[in-house]
């Protein structure tokens, strides 16, 4: 489903990615590990179209997205890619339901349909009683589940997760691990995860290590 070929990225004289190749199948859970500063998040941002490679190609289901202009890339990203970050990035002034609905509204979905989908996702994730709560009224684990619901609202081809358990206690981390497995089982959801969490990595189909600017099995 995803094919990245010979991805290079430098910042000034610092060469971070030195020819990365990666193929990911639908429904696969792939974890990327490595030391801090090794380039894991840089690669995730390029795969997720948040940043551009200096050279190389990136295709989703055969579509060469690295050739899109910025507007085309933003539209593709909104419709096909979900993100879960370490610090949730929920908007504090909005409720759980409103936070989840936002990406659907950006995609010009009808508001009533988007709200129904968001309510269904939040209920599926065990947050039926938290629809009207704002992020400050939720636990860390609950905030992360809201972020997961938001990542799923547009039925993305892939969810990219950058240290999704990095800000959670062990109990909430375990819940998120099981949730990822459940989403793969129920929705055949594809995940690419950057993490230092060994337990999360062990649940993946493949663990790749970023070392010296390249990925290794």
C-alpha atoms as a PDB file:
ATOM      1  CA  UNK A   1       0.000   0.000   0.000  1.00  0.00           C
ATOM      2  CA  UNK A   2       2.859   2.372   0.842  1.00  0.00           C
ATOM      3  CA  UNK A   3       6.126   2.397  -1.055  1.00  0.00           C
ATOM      4  CA  UNK A   4       8.969   4.746  -0.160  1.00  0.00           C
ATOM      5  CA  UNK A   5      12.099   4.508  -2.260  1.00  0.00           C
ATOM      6  CA  UNK A   6      15.543   6.026  -1.667  1.00  0.00           C
ATOM      7  CA  UNK A   7      14.326   8.765   0.685  1.00  0.00           C
ATOM      8  CA  UNK A   8      16.996  11.362   1.483  1.00  0.00           C
ATOM      9  CA  UNK A   9      16.671  14.300   3.880  1.00  0.00           C
ATOM     10  CA  UNK A  10      19.257  16.770   5.156  1.00  0.00           C
ATOM     11  CA  UNK A  11      19.122  19.832   7.363  1.00  0.00           C
ATOM     12  CA  UNK A  12      22.016  22.020   6.351  1.00  0.00           C
ATOM     13  CA  UNK A  13      25.094  19.809   6.411  1.00  0.00           C
ATOM     14  CA  UNK A  14      23.415  17.193   8.623  1.00  0.00           C
ATOM     15  CA  UNK A  15      22.290  14.237   6.525  1.00  0.00           C
ATOM     16  CA  UNK A  16      19.480  12.610   8.516  1.00  0.00           C
ATOM     17  CA  UNK A  17      18.034  10.099   6.031  1.00  0.00           C
ATOM     18  CA  UNK A  18      20.478   8.403   3.682  1.00  0.00           C
ATOM     19  CA  UNK A  19      18.388   6.452   1.228  1.00  0.00           C
ATOM     20  CA  UNK A  20      15.485   4.883   3.149  1.00  0.00           C
ATOM     21  CA  UNK A  21      13.362   2.180   1.502  1.00  0.00           C
ATOM     22  CA  UNK A  22      10.092   1.004   3.043  1.00  0.00           C
ATOM     23  CA  UNK A  23       7.075  -0.999   1.842  1.00  0.00           C
ATOM     24  CA  UNK A  24       3.979  -1.446   4.003  1.00  0.00           C
ATOM     25  CA  UNK A  25       0.975  -3.658   3.274  1.00  0.00           C
ATOM     26  CA  UNK A  26      -2.651  -2.902   4.167  1.00  0.00           C
ATOM     27  CA  UNK A  27      -3.527  -4.019   7.698  1.00  0.00           C
ATOM     28  CA  UNK A  28       0.106  -4.214   8.763  1.00  0.00           C
ATOM     29  CA  UNK A  29       1.458  -2.801  12.035  1.00  0.00           C
ATOM     30  CA  UNK A  30       5.034  -1.610  11.545  1.00  0.00           C
ATOM     31  CA  UNK A  31       7.124  -0.178  14.374  1.00  0.00           C
ATOM     32  CA  UNK A  32      10.202   1.995  13.849  1.00  0.00           C
ATOM     33  CA  UNK A  33      12.686   2.155  16.710  1.00  0.00           C
ATOM     34  CA  UNK A  34      16.123   3.677  17.221  1.00  0.00           C
ATOM     35  CA  UNK A  35      18.104   6.105  19.318  1.00  0.00           C
ATOM     36  CA  UNK A  36      16.919   9.663  19.886  1.00  0.00           C
ATOM     37  CA  UNK A  37      17.970  11.863  16.986  1.00  0.00           C
ATOM     38  CA  UNK A  38      18.318   8.917  14.596  1.00  0.00           C
ATOM     39  CA  UNK A  39      15.723  10.344  12.190  1.00  0.00           C
ATOM     40  CA  UNK A  40      12.627   8.316  13.125  1.00  0.00           C
ATOM     41  CA  UNK A  41      10.284  11.283  13.425  1.00  0.00           C
ATOM     42  CA  UNK A  42      11.780  12.898  10.324  1.00  0.00           C
ATOM     43  CA  UNK A  43      10.938   9.761   8.353  1.00  0.00           C
ATOM     44  CA  UNK A  44       7.441   9.605   9.865  1.00  0.00           C
ATOM     45  CA  UNK A  45       6.759  13.218   8.879  1.00  0.00           C
ATOM     46  CA  UNK A  46       7.896  12.538   5.309  1.00  0.00           C
ATOM     47  CA  UNK A  47       5.844   9.338   5.029  1.00  0.00           C
ATOM     48  CA  UNK A  48       2.885  11.232   6.467  1.00  0.00           C
ATOM     49  CA  UNK A  49       3.390  14.065   3.929  1.00  0.00           C
ATOM     50  CA  UNK A  50       3.925  16.646   6.682  1.00  0.00           C
ATOM     51  CA  UNK A  51       7.396  17.252   5.247  1.00  0.00           C
ATOM     52  CA  UNK A  52       9.047  16.624   1.904  1.00  0.00           C
ATOM     53  CA  UNK A  53      12.110  14.533   1.150  1.00  0.00           C
ATOM     54  CA  UNK A  54      15.051  16.131  -0.631  1.00  0.00           C
ATOM     55  CA  UNK A  55      14.944  13.233  -3.086  1.00  0.00           C
ATOM     56  CA  UNK A  56      13.278   9.850  -3.490  1.00  0.00           C
ATOM     57  CA  UNK A  57       9.709   8.742  -4.174  1.00  0.00           C
ATOM     58  CA  UNK A  58       6.628   8.111  -2.032  1.00  0.00           C
ATOM     59  CA  UNK A  59       3.544   6.306  -3.349  1.00  0.00           C
ATOM     60  CA  UNK A  60       0.220   5.318  -1.772  1.00  0.00           C
ATOM     61  CA  UNK A  61      -1.634   2.554  -3.628  1.00  0.00           C
ATOM     62  CA  UNK A  62       0.386   3.343  -6.726  1.00  0.00           C
ATOM     63  CA  UNK A  63      -0.221   7.112  -6.614  1.00  0.00           C
ATOM     64  CA  UNK A  64       3.023   9.094  -6.557  1.00  0.00           C
ATOM     65  CA  UNK A  65       2.141  11.658  -3.865  1.00  0.00           C
ATOM     66  CA  UNK A  66       5.599  13.211  -3.718  1.00  0.00           C
ATOM     67  CA  UNK A  67       4.744  14.968  -6.995  1.00  0.00           C
ATOM     68  CA  UNK A  68       1.707  16.793  -5.560  1.00  0.00           C
ATOM     69  CA  UNK A  69       1.876  20.531  -4.914  1.00  0.00           C
ATOM     70  CA  UNK A  70       1.306  21.735  -1.349  1.00  0.00           C
ATOM     71  CA  UNK A  71      -2.464  22.137  -1.749  1.00  0.00           C
ATOM     72  CA  UNK A  72      -2.818  18.730  -3.346  1.00  0.00           C
ATOM     73  CA  UNK A  73      -0.685  17.166  -0.639  1.00  0.00           C
ATOM     74  CA  UNK A  74      -2.764  18.770   2.130  1.00  0.00           C
ATOM     75  CA  UNK A  75      -5.976  17.480   0.561  1.00  0.00           C
ATOM     76  CA  UNK A  76      -4.540  13.977   0.132  1.00  0.00           C
ATOM     77  CA  UNK A  77      -3.288  13.969   3.727  1.00  0.00           C
ATOM     78  CA  UNK A  78      -6.656  14.987   5.155  1.00  0.00           C
ATOM     79  CA  UNK A  79      -8.497  12.258   3.246  1.00  0.00           C
ATOM     80  CA  UNK A  80      -6.014   9.385   3.558  1.00  0.00           C
ATOM     81  CA  UNK A  81      -3.782   9.785   6.610  1.00  0.00           C
ATOM     82  CA  UNK A  82      -4.442   9.885  10.356  1.00  0.00           C
ATOM     83  CA  UNK A  83      -2.010  11.011  13.038  1.00  0.00           C
ATOM     84  CA  UNK A  84      -1.598  10.270  16.742  1.00  0.00           C
ATOM     85  CA  UNK A  85       1.099  12.213  18.595  1.00  0.00           C
ATOM     86  CA  UNK A  86       2.658  11.890  22.034  1.00  0.00           C
ATOM     87  CA  UNK A  87       1.004  15.040  23.397  1.00  0.00           C
ATOM     88  CA  UNK A  88      -2.413  14.487  21.789  1.00  0.00           C
ATOM     89  CA  UNK A  89      -2.647  18.019  20.250  1.00  0.00           C
ATOM     90  CA  UNK A  90      -6.329  18.298  21.116  1.00  0.00           C
ATOM     91  CA  UNK A  91      -7.802  21.795  20.969  1.00  0.00           C
ATOM     92  CA  UNK A  92      -8.489  22.713  24.620  1.00  0.00           C
ATOM     93  CA  UNK A  93     -11.521  24.907  23.946  1.00  0.00           C
ATOM     94  CA  UNK A  94     -13.431  22.138  22.148  1.00  0.00           C
ATOM     95  CA  UNK A  95     -15.186  19.039  23.498  1.00  0.00           C
ATOM     96  CA  UNK A  96     -14.120  15.484  22.693  1.00  0.00           C
ATOM     97  CA  UNK A  97     -16.817  15.266  20.035  1.00  0.00           C
ATOM     98  CA  UNK A  98     -15.856  18.583  18.459  1.00  0.00           C
ATOM     99  CA  UNK A  99     -12.156  17.657  18.364  1.00  0.00           C
ATOM    100  CA  UNK A 100     -12.955  14.421  16.523  1.00  0.00           C
ATOM    101  CA  UNK A 101     -15.332  16.092  14.052  1.00  0.00           C
ATOM    102  CA  UNK A 102     -12.880  18.792  12.877  1.00  0.00           C
ATOM    103  CA  UNK A 103     -10.977  16.740  10.228  1.00  0.00           C
ATOM    104  CA  UNK A 104     -14.287  15.573   8.733  1.00  0.00           C
ATOM    105  CA  UNK A 105     -15.519  19.153   8.412  1.00  0.00           C
ATOM    106  CA  UNK A 106     -12.232  20.133   6.744  1.00  0.00           C
ATOM    107  CA  UNK A 107     -13.010  17.381   4.199  1.00  0.00           C
ATOM    108  CA  UNK A 108     -16.392  19.051   3.579  1.00  0.00           C
ATOM    109  CA  UNK A 109     -18.397  16.184   5.048  1.00  0.00           C
ATOM    110  CA  UNK A 110     -21.905  17.034   6.199  1.00  0.00           C
ATOM    111  CA  UNK A 111     -21.848  18.107   9.846  1.00  0.00           C
ATOM    112  CA  UNK A 112     -24.656  15.809  10.992  1.00  0.00           C
ATOM    113  CA  UNK A 113     -23.012  12.788   9.348  1.00  0.00           C
ATOM    114  CA  UNK A 114     -19.634  13.724  10.801  1.00  0.00           C
ATOM    115  CA  UNK A 115     -21.096  14.041  14.293  1.00  0.00           C
ATOM    116  CA  UNK A 116     -22.756  10.632  14.028  1.00  0.00           C
ATOM    117  CA  UNK A 117     -19.476   9.065  12.881  1.00  0.00           C
ATOM    118  CA  UNK A 118     -17.571  10.797  15.694  1.00  0.00           C
ATOM    119  CA  UNK A 119     -20.086   9.653  18.301  1.00  0.00           C
ATOM    120  CA  UNK A 120     -19.824   6.087  16.994  1.00  0.00           C
ATOM    121  CA  UNK A 121     -16.021   6.148  17.139  1.00  0.00           C
ATOM    122  CA  UNK A 122     -15.914   7.598  20.643  1.00  0.00           C
ATOM    123  CA  UNK A 123     -18.410   5.006  21.836  1.00  0.00           C
ATOM    124  CA  UNK A 124     -16.334   2.238  20.199  1.00  0.00           C
ATOM    125  CA  UNK A 125     -13.296   3.567  22.072  1.00  0.00           C
ATOM    126  CA  UNK A 126     -15.099   3.511  25.417  1.00  0.00           C
ATOM    127  CA  UNK A 127     -15.740   7.253  25.644  1.00  0.00           C
ATOM    128  CA  UNK A 128     -19.535   7.337  25.341  1.00  0.00           C
ATOM    129  CA  UNK A 129     -19.780   9.330  28.578  1.00  0.00           C
ATOM    130  CA  UNK A 130     -17.037  11.796  27.604  1.00  0.00           C
ATOM    131  CA  UNK A 131     -18.516  13.336  24.451  1.00  0.00           C
ATOM    132  CA  UNK A 132     -19.030  16.783  25.978  1.00  0.00           C
ATOM    133  CA  UNK A 133     -15.878  16.811  28.103  1.00  0.00           C
ATOM    134  CA  UNK A 134     -13.025  19.116  27.140  1.00  0.00           C
ATOM    135  CA  UNK A 135      -9.418  17.810  27.138  1.00  0.00           C
ATOM    136  CA  UNK A 136      -8.680  19.342  30.552  1.00  0.00           C
ATOM    137  CA  UNK A 137     -11.449  17.195  32.037  1.00  0.00           C
ATOM    138  CA  UNK A 138     -10.013  13.942  30.672  1.00  0.00           C
ATOM    139  CA  UNK A 139      -7.238  11.634  31.849  1.00  0.00           C
ATOM    140  CA  UNK A 140      -4.138  11.192  29.700  1.00  0.00           C
ATOM    141  CA  UNK A 141      -5.387   7.855  28.429  1.00  0.00           C
ATOM    142  CA  UNK A 142      -8.799   9.312  27.585  1.00  0.00           C
ATOM    143  CA  UNK A 143      -7.199  12.216  25.722  1.00  0.00           C
ATOM    144  CA  UNK A 144      -5.147   9.778  23.670  1.00  0.00           C
ATOM    145  CA  UNK A 145      -8.252   7.768  22.774  1.00  0.00           C
ATOM    146  CA  UNK A 146      -9.936  10.976  21.612  1.00  0.00           C
ATOM    147  CA  UNK A 147      -6.852  11.591  19.464  1.00  0.00           C
ATOM    148  CA  UNK A 148      -7.171   8.062  18.064  1.00  0.00           C
ATOM    149  CA  UNK A 149     -10.835   8.695  17.226  1.00  0.00           C
ATOM    150  CA  UNK A 150      -9.871  11.929  15.493  1.00  0.00           C
ATOM    151  CA  UNK A 151      -7.232  10.063  13.451  1.00  0.00           C
ATOM    152  CA  UNK A 152      -9.896   7.591  12.248  1.00  0.00           C
ATOM    153  CA  UNK A 153     -12.756   9.973  11.392  1.00  0.00           C
ATOM    154  CA  UNK A 154     -11.953  10.128   7.654  1.00  0.00           C
ATOM    155  CA  UNK A 155     -11.326   6.376   7.270  1.00  0.00           C
ATOM    156  CA  UNK A 156      -7.595   6.822   6.609  1.00  0.00           C
ATOM    157  CA  UNK A 157      -5.519   4.347   4.655  1.00  0.00           C
ATOM    158  CA  UNK A 158      -2.868   4.523   7.385  1.00  0.00           C
ATOM    159  CA  UNK A 159      -2.447   5.944  10.883  1.00  0.00           C
ATOM    160  CA  UNK A 160       0.975   7.308  11.799  1.00  0.00           C
ATOM    161  CA  UNK A 161       1.705   7.326  15.530  1.00  0.00           C
ATOM    162  CA  UNK A 162       4.710   9.209  16.936  1.00  0.00           C
ATOM    163  CA  UNK A 163       5.546   7.981  20.472  1.00  0.00           C
ATOM    164  CA  UNK A 164       1.822   7.392  21.207  1.00  0.00           C
ATOM    165  CA  UNK A 165       2.501   5.975  24.691  1.00  0.00           C
ATOM    166  CA  UNK A 166       5.301   8.407  25.582  1.00  0.00           C
ATOM    167  CA  UNK A 167       3.063  10.547  27.798  1.00  0.00           C
ATOM    168  CA  UNK A 168       0.960   7.734  29.297  1.00  0.00           C
ATOM    169  CA  UNK A 169       1.224   5.660  32.467  1.00  0.00           C
ATOM    170  CA  UNK A 170       1.705   1.893  32.156  1.00  0.00           C
ATOM    171  CA  UNK A 171      -2.007   1.106  32.487  1.00  0.00           C
ATOM    172  CA  UNK A 172      -3.033   3.577  29.779  1.00  0.00           C
ATOM    173  CA  UNK A 173      -0.180   2.347  27.589  1.00  0.00           C
ATOM    174  CA  UNK A 174      -1.455  -1.217  27.812  1.00  0.00           C
ATOM    175  CA  UNK A 175      -4.957  -0.051  26.895  1.00  0.00           C
ATOM    176  CA  UNK A 176      -3.617   1.755  23.835  1.00  0.00           C
ATOM    177  CA  UNK A 177      -1.636  -1.328  22.787  1.00  0.00           C
ATOM    178  CA  UNK A 178      -4.784  -3.460  22.882  1.00  0.00           C
ATOM    179  CA  UNK A 179      -6.757  -0.767  21.085  1.00  0.00           C
ATOM    180  CA  UNK A 180      -4.290  -0.747  18.174  1.00  0.00           C
ATOM    181  CA  UNK A 181      -4.604  -4.523  17.857  1.00  0.00           C
ATOM    182  CA  UNK A 182      -8.405  -4.282  18.027  1.00  0.00           C
ATOM    183  CA  UNK A 183      -8.500  -1.628  15.297  1.00  0.00           C
ATOM    184  CA  UNK A 184      -6.389  -3.814  13.048  1.00  0.00           C
ATOM    185  CA  UNK A 185      -8.710  -6.756  13.709  1.00  0.00           C
ATOM    186  CA  UNK A 186     -12.001  -4.852  13.293  1.00  0.00           C
ATOM    187  CA  UNK A 187     -11.064  -2.324  10.591  1.00  0.00           C
ATOM    188  CA  UNK A 188      -7.914  -3.851   9.038  1.00  0.00           C
ATOM    189  CA  UNK A 189      -6.312  -0.533   9.978  1.00  0.00           C
ATOM    190  CA  UNK A 190      -2.690   0.006   8.972  1.00  0.00           C
ATOM    191  CA  UNK A 191      -0.325   1.559  11.532  1.00  0.00           C
ATOM    192  CA  UNK A 192       3.215   2.890  11.290  1.00  0.00           C
ATOM    193  CA  UNK A 193       4.478   3.635  14.788  1.00  0.00           C
ATOM    194  CA  UNK A 194       7.604   5.364  16.053  1.00  0.00           C
ATOM    195  CA  UNK A 195       8.266   4.334  19.642  1.00  0.00           C
ATOM    196  CA  UNK A 196      10.806   3.513  22.326  1.00  0.00           C
ATOM    197  CA  UNK A 197       8.239   1.213  23.979  1.00  0.00           C
ATOM    198  CA  UNK A 198       9.484  -2.373  23.704  1.00  0.00           C
ATOM    199  CA  UNK A 199       6.094  -3.872  24.636  1.00  0.00           C
ATOM    200  CA  UNK A 200       4.347  -1.958  21.878  1.00  0.00           C
ATOM    201  CA  UNK A 201       7.038  -2.967  19.397  1.00  0.00           C
ATOM    202  CA  UNK A 202       6.593  -6.643  20.275  1.00  0.00           C
ATOM    203  CA  UNK A 203       2.918  -6.453  19.252  1.00  0.00           C
ATOM    204  CA  UNK A 204       3.848  -5.293  15.756  1.00  0.00           C
ATOM    205  CA  UNK A 205       4.130  -7.394  12.631  1.00  0.00           C
ATOM    206  CA  UNK A 206       7.563  -5.912  11.903  1.00  0.00           C
ATOM    207  CA  UNK A 207      10.094  -3.959  13.923  1.00  0.00           C
ATOM    208  CA  UNK A 208      12.509  -1.765  11.966  1.00  0.00           C
ATOM    209  CA  UNK A 209      15.470   0.065  13.471  1.00  0.00           C
ATOM    210  CA  UNK A 210      16.655   3.455  12.254  1.00  0.00           C
ATOM    211  CA  UNK A 211      20.442   3.420  12.320  1.00  0.00           C
ATOM    212  CA  UNK A 212      22.907   5.653  10.505  1.00  0.00           C
ATOM    213  CA  UNK A 213      20.169   7.175   8.371  1.00  0.00           C
ATOM    214  CA  UNK A 214      18.756   3.867   7.119  1.00  0.00           C
ATOM    215  CA  UNK A 215      16.167   1.290   8.191  1.00  0.00           C
ATOM    216  CA  UNK A 216      17.229  -2.198   9.224  1.00  0.00           C
ATOM    217  CA  UNK A 217      15.096  -5.236  10.121  1.00  0.00           C
END
